[in-house]
PDB file of all heavy atoms in Angstrom:
ATOM      1  N   VAL A   1       0.875  -1.184  -0.055  1.00  0.00           N
ATOM      2  CA  VAL A   1      -0.024  -0.041  -0.058  1.00  0.00           C
ATOM      3  C   VAL A   1       0.861   1.300   0.035  1.00  0.00           C
ATOM      4  O   VAL A   1       2.128   1.183   0.164  1.00  0.00           O
ATOM      5  CB  VAL A   1      -0.980   0.024   1.204  1.00  0.00           C
ATOM      6  CG1 VAL A   1      -1.896  -1.135   1.211  1.00  0.00           C
ATOM      7  CG2 VAL A   1      -0.138  -0.087   2.507  1.00  0.00           C
ATOM      8  N   PHE A   2       0.278   2.323  -0.176  1.00  0.00           N
ATOM      9  CA  PHE A   2       0.987   3.616  -0.279  1.00  0.00           C
ATOM     10  C   PHE A   2       1.506   3.961   1.212  1.00  0.00           C
ATOM     11  O   PHE A   2       0.755   4.055   2.187  1.00  0.00           O
ATOM     12  CB  PHE A   2       0.044   4.783  -0.698  1.00  0.00           C
ATOM     13  CG  PHE A   2       0.857   5.938  -1.332  1.00  0.00           C
ATOM     14  CD1 PHE A   2       0.711   6.235  -2.741  1.00  0.00           C
ATOM     15  CD2 PHE A   2       1.555   6.853  -0.527  1.00  0.00           C
ATOM     16  CE1 PHE A   2       1.329   7.303  -3.210  1.00  0.00           C
ATOM     17  CE2 PHE A   2       2.196   7.891  -1.201  1.00  0.00           C
ATOM     18  CZ  PHE A   2       2.198   8.099  -2.490  1.00  0.00           C
ATOM     19  N   ARG A   3       2.858   4.266   1.283  1.00  0.00           N
ATOM     20  CA  ARG A   3       3.448   4.581   2.607  1.00  0.00           C
ATOM     21  C   ARG A   3       4.328   5.793   2.516  1.00  0.00           C
ATOM     22  O   ARG A   3       4.891   6.086   1.489  1.00  0.00           O
ATOM     23  CB  ARG A   3       4.360   3.303   3.029  1.00  0.00           C
ATOM     24  CG  ARG A   3       3.634   1.997   3.248  1.00  0.00           C
ATOM     25  CD  ARG A   3       4.574   0.996   3.692  1.00  0.00           C
ATOM     26  NE  ARG A   3       3.792  -0.322   3.820  1.00  0.00           N
ATOM     27  CZ  ARG A   3       3.153  -0.775   4.869  1.00  0.00           C
ATOM     28  NH1 ARG A   3       3.058   0.080   5.932  1.00  0.00           N
ATOM     29  NH2 ARG A   3       2.529  -1.817   4.861  1.00  0.00           N
ATOM     30  N   LEU A   4       4.203   6.554   3.499  1.00  0.00           N
ATOM     31  CA  LEU A   4       5.004   7.870   3.642  1.00  0.00           C
ATOM     32  C   LEU A   4       6.366   7.532   4.488  1.00  0.00           C
ATOM     33  O   LEU A   4       6.221   6.997   5.557  1.00  0.00           O
ATOM     34  CB  LEU A   4       4.145   8.882   4.311  1.00  0.00           C
ATOM     35  CG  LEU A   4       4.949  10.241   4.559  1.00  0.00           C
ATOM     36  CD1 LEU A   4       5.118  10.976   3.240  1.00  0.00           C
ATOM     37  CD2 LEU A   4       4.110  11.022   5.558  1.00  0.00           C
ATOM     38  N   PRO A   5       7.543   7.959   3.885  1.00  0.00           N
ATOM     39  CA  PRO A   5       8.759   7.788   4.735  1.00  0.00           C
ATOM     40  C   PRO A   5       8.661   8.929   5.910  1.00  0.00           C
ATOM     41  O   PRO A   5       8.471  10.134   5.577  1.00  0.00           O
ATOM     42  CB  PRO A   5       9.753   8.128   3.736  1.00  0.00           C
ATOM     43  CG  PRO A   5       9.147   8.878   2.577  1.00  0.00           C
ATOM     44  CD  PRO A   5       7.749   8.489   2.531  1.00  0.00           C
ATOM     45  N   VAL A   6       8.729   8.451   7.134  1.00  0.00           N
ATOM     46  CA  VAL A   6       8.556   9.426   8.240  1.00  0.00           C
ATOM     47  C   VAL A   6       9.845   9.496   9.098  1.00  0.00           C
ATOM     48  O   VAL A   6      10.471   8.516   9.301  1.00  0.00           O
ATOM     49  CB  VAL A   6       7.310   9.150   9.111  1.00  0.00           C
ATOM     50  CG1 VAL A   6       5.974   9.351   8.371  1.00  0.00           C
ATOM     51  CG2 VAL A   6       7.373   7.616   9.503  1.00  0.00           C
ATOM     52  N   SER A   7      10.182  10.682   9.540  1.00  0.00           N
ATOM     53  CA  SER A   7      11.193  10.901  10.543  1.00  0.00           C
ATOM     54  C   SER A   7      11.043  12.340  11.018  1.00  0.00           C
ATOM     55  O   SER A   7      10.260  13.144  10.401  1.00  0.00           O
ATOM     56  CB  SER A   7      12.635  10.682   9.941  1.00  0.00           C
ATOM     57  OG  SER A   7      13.007  11.891   9.207  1.00  0.00           O
ATOM     58  N   LYS A   8      11.766  12.746  12.023  1.00  0.00           N
ATOM     59  CA  LYS A   8      11.700  14.091  12.468  1.00  0.00           C
ATOM     60  C   LYS A   8      12.147  15.125  11.370  1.00  0.00           C
ATOM     61  O   LYS A   8      11.994  16.345  11.610  1.00  0.00           O
ATOM     62  CB  LYS A   8      12.426  14.125  13.780  1.00  0.00           C
ATOM     63  CG  LYS A   8      11.681  13.480  14.989  1.00  0.00           C
ATOM     64  CD  LYS A   8      12.565  13.584  16.300  1.00  0.00           C
ATOM     65  CE  LYS A   8      12.498  14.927  16.900  1.00  0.00           C
ATOM     66  NZ  LYS A   8      12.991  14.918  18.318  1.00  0.00           N
ATOM     67  N   ASP A   9      12.921  14.577  10.428  1.00  0.00           N
ATOM     68  CA  ASP A   9      13.470  15.423   9.426  1.00  0.00           C
ATOM     69  C   ASP A   9      12.310  16.057   8.535  1.00  0.00           C
ATOM     70  O   ASP A   9      12.486  17.092   7.777  1.00  0.00           O
ATOM     71  CB  ASP A   9      14.335  14.681   8.405  1.00  0.00           C
ATOM     72  CG  ASP A   9      15.648  14.181   9.124  1.00  0.00           C
ATOM     73  OD1 ASP A   9      16.034  14.835  10.204  1.00  0.00           O
ATOM     74  OD2 ASP A   9      16.270  13.338   8.652  1.00  0.00           O
ATOM     75  N   LEU A  10      11.064  15.649   8.775  1.00  0.00           N
ATOM     76  CA  LEU A  10       9.977  16.218   8.107  1.00  0.00           C
ATOM     77  C   LEU A  10       9.648  17.667   8.327  1.00  0.00           C
ATOM     78  O   LEU A  10       9.341  18.447   7.663  1.00  0.00           O
ATOM     79  CB  LEU A  10       8.685  15.356   8.366  1.00  0.00           C
ATOM     80  CG  LEU A  10       8.475  14.043   7.658  1.00  0.00           C
ATOM     81  CD1 LEU A  10       7.314  13.265   8.378  1.00  0.00           C
ATOM     82  CD2 LEU A  10       8.119  14.282   6.199  1.00  0.00           C
ATOM     83  N   ILE A  11      10.009  17.904   9.731  1.00  0.00           N
ATOM     84  CA  ILE A  11       9.907  19.392  10.183  1.00  0.00           C
ATOM     85  C   ILE A  11      10.650  20.262   9.464  1.00  0.00           C
ATOM     86  O   ILE A  11      11.961  20.108   9.254  1.00  0.00           O
ATOM     87  CB  ILE A  11      10.017  19.428  11.709  1.00  0.00           C
ATOM     88  CG1 ILE A  11       9.179  18.400  12.409  1.00  0.00           C
ATOM     89  CG2 ILE A  11       9.920  20.860  12.231  1.00  0.00           C
ATOM     90  CD1 ILE A  11       9.454  18.436  13.942  1.00  0.00           C
ATOM     91  N   GLY A  12      10.099  21.364   8.927  1.00  0.00           N
ATOM     92  CA  GLY A  12      10.816  22.355   8.125  1.00  0.00           C
ATOM     93  C   GLY A  12      10.826  22.018   6.698  1.00  0.00           C
ATOM     94  O   GLY A  12      11.422  22.874   5.881  1.00  0.00           O
ATOM     95  N   ARG A  13      10.208  21.041   6.215  1.00  0.00           N
ATOM     96  CA  ARG A  13      10.191  20.664   4.782  1.00  0.00           C
ATOM     97  C   ARG A  13       8.897  20.994   4.130  1.00  0.00           C
ATOM     98  O   ARG A  13       7.723  21.045   4.766  1.00  0.00           O
ATOM     99  CB  ARG A  13      10.452  19.226   4.654  1.00  0.00           C
ATOM    100  CG  ARG A  13      11.798  18.700   5.143  1.00  0.00           C
ATOM    101  CD  ARG A  13      12.956  19.326   4.477  1.00  0.00           C
ATOM    102  NE  ARG A  13      12.888  19.081   2.952  1.00  0.00           N
ATOM    103  CZ  ARG A  13      13.414  18.045   2.388  1.00  0.00           C
ATOM    104  NH1 ARG A  13      13.983  17.061   3.106  1.00  0.00           N
ATOM    105  NH2 ARG A  13      13.456  17.839   0.999  1.00  0.00           N
ATOM    106  N   ILE A  14       8.906  21.218   2.823  1.00  0.00           N
ATOM    107  CA  ILE A  14       7.728  21.390   1.988  1.00  0.00           C
ATOM    108  C   ILE A  14       7.772  20.251   1.003  1.00  0.00           C
ATOM    109  O   ILE A  14       8.707  20.033   0.119  1.00  0.00           O
ATOM    110  CB  ILE A  14       7.951  22.722   1.187  1.00  0.00           C
ATOM    111  CG1 ILE A  14       8.118  23.984   2.103  1.00  0.00           C
ATOM    112  CG2 ILE A  14       6.748  22.945   0.328  1.00  0.00           C
ATOM    113  CD1 ILE A  14       8.383  25.316   1.488  1.00  0.00           C
ATOM    114  N   LEU A  15       6.663  19.498   1.017  1.00  0.00           N
ATOM    115  CA  LEU A  15       6.569  18.296   0.252  1.00  0.00           C
ATOM    116  C   LEU A  15       5.308  18.571  -0.821  1.00  0.00           C
ATOM    117  O   LEU A  15       4.460  19.221  -0.580  1.00  0.00           O
ATOM    118  CB  LEU A  15       6.304  17.135   0.960  1.00  0.00           C
ATOM    119  CG  LEU A  15       7.354  16.903   2.152  1.00  0.00           C
ATOM    120  CD1 LEU A  15       6.896  15.725   3.006  1.00  0.00           C
ATOM    121  CD2 LEU A  15       8.729  16.487   1.515  1.00  0.00           C
ATOM    122  N   ALA A  16       5.474  17.872  -1.923  1.00  0.00           N
ATOM    123  CA  ALA A  16       4.313  17.882  -2.933  1.00  0.00           C
ATOM    124  C   ALA A  16       3.122  17.029  -2.401  1.00  0.00           C
ATOM    125  O   ALA A  16       3.361  16.225  -1.410  1.00  0.00           O
ATOM    126  CB  ALA A  16       4.828  17.422  -4.212  1.00  0.00           C
ATOM    127  N   GLY A  17       2.066  17.078  -3.178  1.00  0.00           N
ATOM    128  CA  GLY A  17       0.886  16.343  -2.696  1.00  0.00           C
ATOM    129  C   GLY A  17       1.060  14.933  -2.736  1.00  0.00           C
ATOM    130  O   GLY A  17       0.228  14.164  -2.070  1.00  0.00           O
ATOM    131  N   ASN A  18       2.112  14.427  -3.389  1.00  0.00           N
ATOM    132  CA  ASN A  18       2.371  12.949  -3.452  1.00  0.00           C
ATOM    133  C   ASN A  18       3.448  12.459  -2.500  1.00  0.00           C
ATOM    134  O   ASN A  18       3.844  11.421  -2.449  1.00  0.00           O
ATOM    135  CB  ASN A  18       2.805  12.504  -4.877  1.00  0.00           C
ATOM    136  CG  ASN A  18       3.871  13.201  -5.391  1.00  0.00           C
ATOM    137  OD1 ASN A  18       4.603  13.936  -4.691  1.00  0.00           O
ATOM    138  ND2 ASN A  18       4.187  13.035  -6.648  1.00  0.00           N
ATOM    139  N   GLY A  19       3.993  13.508  -1.587  1.00  0.00           N
ATOM    140  CA  GLY A  19       4.965  13.133  -0.644  1.00  0.00           C
ATOM    141  C   GLY A  19       6.360  13.369  -1.054  1.00  0.00           C
ATOM    142  O   GLY A  19       7.350  13.219  -0.319  1.00  0.00           O
ATOM    143  N   LYS A  20       6.611  13.821  -2.415  1.00  0.00           N
ATOM    144  CA  LYS A  20       7.964  13.932  -2.817  1.00  0.00           C
ATOM    145  C   LYS A  20       8.375  15.427  -2.434  1.00  0.00           C
ATOM    146  O   LYS A  20       7.464  16.308  -2.405  1.00  0.00           O
ATOM    147  CB  LYS A  20       7.989  13.784  -4.437  1.00  0.00           C
ATOM    148  CG  LYS A  20       7.654  12.457  -4.829  1.00  0.00           C
ATOM    149  CD  LYS A  20       8.727  11.485  -4.585  1.00  0.00           C
ATOM    150  CE  LYS A  20       8.571  10.152  -5.316  1.00  0.00           C
ATOM    151  NZ  LYS A  20       7.450   9.300  -4.708  1.00  0.00           N
ATOM    152  N   PRO A  21       9.681  15.661  -2.139  1.00  0.00           N
ATOM    153  CA  PRO A  21      10.193  17.122  -1.891  1.00  0.00           C
ATOM    154  C   PRO A  21       9.735  18.036  -2.943  1.00  0.00           C
ATOM    155  O   PRO A  21       9.993  17.896  -4.153  1.00  0.00           O
ATOM    156  CB  PRO A  21      11.636  16.916  -1.747  1.00  0.00           C
ATOM    157  CG  PRO A  21      11.874  15.466  -1.388  1.00  0.00           C
ATOM    158  CD  PRO A  21      10.773  14.786  -2.163  1.00  0.00           C
ATOM    159  N   ARG A  22       9.175  19.230  -2.490  1.00  0.00           N
ATOM    160  CA  ARG A  22       8.939  20.369  -3.354  1.00  0.00           C
ATOM    161  C   ARG A  22       9.914  21.496  -3.160  1.00  0.00           C
ATOM    162  O   ARG A  22       9.916  22.469  -4.084  1.00  0.00           O
ATOM    163  CB  ARG A  22       7.481  20.800  -3.148  1.00  0.00           C
ATOM    164  CG  ARG A  22       6.965  21.821  -4.226  1.00  0.00           C
ATOM    165  CD  ARG A  22       5.502  22.355  -3.940  1.00  0.00           C
ATOM    166  NE  ARG A  22       4.564  21.356  -4.357  1.00  0.00           N
ATOM    167  CZ  ARG A  22       3.990  21.388  -5.603  1.00  0.00           C
ATOM    168  NH1 ARG A  22       4.517  22.380  -6.457  1.00  0.00           N
ATOM    169  NH2 ARG A  22       3.139  20.518  -5.970  1.00  0.00           N
ATOM    170  N   ASP A  23      10.736  21.474  -2.082  1.00  0.00           N
ATOM    171  CA  ASP A  23      11.546  22.541  -1.759  1.00  0.00           C
ATOM    172  C   ASP A  23      12.941  22.529  -2.241  1.00  0.00           C
ATOM    173  O   ASP A  23      13.788  23.316  -1.937  1.00  0.00           O
ATOM    174  CB  ASP A  23      11.581  22.729  -0.249  1.00  0.00           C
ATOM    175  CG  ASP A  23      11.955  21.485   0.492  1.00  0.00           C
ATOM    176  OD1 ASP A  23      12.429  20.541  -0.180  1.00  0.00           O
ATOM    177  OD2 ASP A  23      11.791  21.374   1.705  1.00  0.00           O
ATOM    178  N   GLY A  24      13.175  21.521  -3.141  1.00  0.00           N
ATOM    179  CA  GLY A  24      14.548  21.354  -3.669  1.00  0.00           C
ATOM    180  C   GLY A  24      15.573  20.680  -2.833  1.00  0.00           C
ATOM    181  O   GLY A  24      16.647  20.473  -3.117  1.00  0.00           O
ATOM    182  N   GLY A  25      15.094  20.252  -1.704  1.00  0.00           N
ATOM    183  CA  GLY A  25      15.878  19.566  -0.728  1.00  0.00           C
ATOM    184  C   GLY A  25      16.035  18.115  -0.960  1.00  0.00           C
ATOM    185  O   GLY A  25      15.284  17.542  -1.810  1.00  0.00           O
ATOM    186  N   PRO A  26      16.844  17.375  -0.209  1.00  0.00           N
ATOM    187  CA  PRO A  26      17.055  15.909  -0.436  1.00  0.00           C
ATOM    188  C   PRO A  26      15.731  15.151  -0.025  1.00  0.00           C
ATOM    189  O   PRO A  26      14.833  15.619   0.644  1.00  0.00           O
ATOM    190  CB  PRO A  26      18.120  15.580   0.436  1.00  0.00           C
ATOM    191  CG  PRO A  26      18.085  16.529   1.585  1.00  0.00           C
ATOM    192  CD  PRO A  26      17.623  17.888   0.961  1.00  0.00           C
ATOM    193  N   ASP A  27      15.651  13.902  -0.437  1.00  0.00           N
ATOM    194  CA  ASP A  27      14.615  13.013   0.000  1.00  0.00           C
ATOM    195  C   ASP A  27      14.724  12.822   1.557  1.00  0.00           C
ATOM    196  O   ASP A  27      15.759  12.950   2.088  1.00  0.00           O
ATOM    197  CB  ASP A  27      14.664  11.639  -0.771  1.00  0.00           C
ATOM    198  CG  ASP A  27      14.250  11.765  -2.127  1.00  0.00           C
ATOM    199  OD1 ASP A  27      13.651  12.644  -2.582  1.00  0.00           O
ATOM    200  OD2 ASP A  27      14.607  10.862  -2.889  1.00  0.00           O
ATOM    201  N   ILE A  28      13.490  12.610   2.100  1.00  0.00           N
ATOM    202  CA  ILE A  28      13.374  12.325   3.524  1.00  0.00           C
ATOM    203  C   ILE A  28      14.157  11.075   3.765  1.00  0.00           C
ATOM    204  O   ILE A  28      13.763   9.921   3.240  1.00  0.00           O
ATOM    205  CB  ILE A  28      11.961  12.258   3.978  1.00  0.00           C
ATOM    206  CG1 ILE A  28      11.215  13.555   3.738  1.00  0.00           C
ATOM    207  CG2 ILE A  28      11.943  11.958   5.611  1.00  0.00           C
ATOM    208  CD1 ILE A  28      11.696  14.803   4.546  1.00  0.00           C
ATOM    209  N   VAL A  29      15.059  11.043   4.734  1.00  0.00           N
ATOM    210  CA  VAL A  29      15.668   9.690   5.215  1.00  0.00           C
ATOM    211  C   VAL A  29      14.830   9.111   6.225  1.00  0.00           C
ATOM    212  O   VAL A  29      14.687   9.689   7.320  1.00  0.00           O
ATOM    213  CB  VAL A  29      17.068  10.032   5.819  1.00  0.00           C
ATOM    214  CG1 VAL A  29      17.733   8.713   6.291  1.00  0.00           C
ATOM    215  CG2 VAL A  29      18.081  10.706   4.777  1.00  0.00           C
ATOM    216  N   PRO A  30      14.163   7.992   5.949  1.00  0.00           N
ATOM    217  CA  PRO A  30      13.088   7.546   6.862  1.00  0.00           C
ATOM    218  C   PRO A  30      13.652   6.836   8.052  1.00  0.00           C
ATOM    219  O   PRO A  30      14.486   6.095   8.021  1.00  0.00           O
ATOM    220  CB  PRO A  30      12.254   6.612   5.872  1.00  0.00           C
ATOM    221  CG  PRO A  30      13.289   6.140   4.928  1.00  0.00           C
ATOM    222  CD  PRO A  30      14.333   7.260   4.787  1.00  0.00           C
TER     223      PRO A  30
END
């Protein structure tokens, strides 16, 4: 099923509606 990579690194990030980074930053290290 659809899963979101989660970690405290999410804080401060801007992600697209599909969970991919929109802010030009690296992928979330889950």
